[in-house]
Amino acid sequence: MKSLTKIALGILCGFLTSCGQVAQAQDKPNVVLIYIDDLGYGDLGCYGCTDIPTPNIDRLAKEGVRFTASYITNPPCCPSRCSLMMGQYGQRFGKYGMSRGLPIPEDRPTLARFLTEHGYVTGQIGKWDIGTQRQGPLNVGFTEVSKNPPRKKSNTGGPSKYFCVDEGGETVWLTDYDGDLMTGFIERHKSDPFFLYWSPQAVHSSNKEVPERLTDRTSAPNNRRKLAGAIVSVDDQVGKLLEALDQDGLRNNTLVIFSSDNGANGSEGGSSRPYTGGKGQGTQKEGWVRVPTLFSMPGVLPEGKQYDGLIANFDFYSTIASLTTQTIPQHCDGVDLFPYLCGEQSGDAHQYLHWLNNEPGDAVRRHLIAVRWQDWRLYKKYDKDPWQLFDLESDPREEHDIASQHPDVVTQMAAQHEAWTRTLTPLGEIPKIRTGEPIIPTGHGWAFAPGKDND
């Protein structure tokens, strides 16, 4: 009877979220997906950080759901983004490490193409790092992409990473420039269903250009002061975004997802607290793959909730697809998270999550074979290595290997990992593609897919 009631309501009202909140058909939900580069689990106020003020990001947590076990199953940046945009383990299409330049598959839709085909305006701002030189955002489903603005010359004579020149010839901080593009996109499409994907260059190293006007707003020590300033600049743009959504009356009809492409960069002072490890050194540890993640949609999702179940970044695709179209493409490895967040389903969204970073040509430090189940983490660096087992609840720093004390757990988890590997595609070959066209067009404003314009 409960399921029949839901079906009836869905037919009557045109849209029904899995939380039981009904909206009119003309209020088709919007989605903003913010994907930060190298943001650590311990570098936001809502995750316990005390030396970097992030009031706007913390507002997302206060007005939404904070995840404590959100994972990147294909680190680092390039494979993480490919998995995100395809909604599945990267190994499904032969990506077992960085493999920069490996094509993303064209026999299944990216998240952007899926939403475009369902009537959404889809916009991309910032870093891409997905697929081949011929698979820029306009080639894989986005209807518009922000152009790459000219950079100011740095002190060394080369182009600056974080200072750009705007249309008026003024030098501006790139993250601020991105924030203005976000609000402009929302203003232009406030009457349309839209999907906006923003992935800023911040917080990716090196952050040495971060100005004092940003670092002075933090109490971070010198070893992470520049990183802290970059995080503050990201928080400012989240504030711009929320203000724009509020002003246009879109806040309650827009799902905002905030996450990171992998864990903290320790060389920049990034924090994985209470876990250890991260980008660079420590990539076999929890801190490289566990990331901060927030979902916020007031009036639809619970507010101020913490969800401790296992999720992965490929769940974003499935959740967005279910929210916007009530369907999930068959190729997706993810699940709709809304029932778990609203109490309709209990426990972990995934019983097991798996890692297999063993691309022969990839940096040795990135090799990782691992499984997560309940509070257990099983991992090793190479196939020839013995498994190590850790209880993350009692030992979050992974200081005590207890594999010998729990051989049954090791056997069970290893068997699950082996079964998963048998479903995967062989290692993909990176094609030699040379093209004179940039992946992201240069200039100011927006570039549009063929047949699309800014009307």
Foldseek 3Di string as FASTA:
>chain_A
DVVVVQVVLCVVAVAADPLGDGDHNLLQFAEEEEAEAFAAQQQAVCSPDDFFDQVLVVVLQQQFEWEQAEWQQADDDQQLLLCLFQLARSLQQFDQHLLQQAARDPVGATLQQLVVVVFAQEEEEADDRYHHQQDFPLNRHHFKYFFAAAADQDPVRHGDPFWGAAPVRDIDGNLVVRLVQLLVVCVLQVSGHYYYYYYHPPPDDDQVPQDCVQLVVGRDDPLQSSSSSSSSSNSVSSVSNCVSCVVSVNQLRYKYKYKYNWHHDVSNPHDNPPEDADPDARLQTPRGIGIIMGIHRHPRFDGNHYDHAHAYSSQVSQQVCCNRPVDHDPVHPHHNCRCDRSVVDDHHSDQKRWHANDDPPHDQNNAKTWMDGDQKIWIDRDPPDDIFIDRCVVCRHSPDGCCVVCVVVVVVRVVVSVVVVVSGDHRGDRDDDDDPAGSRHHDGDMDGHPPDDSD
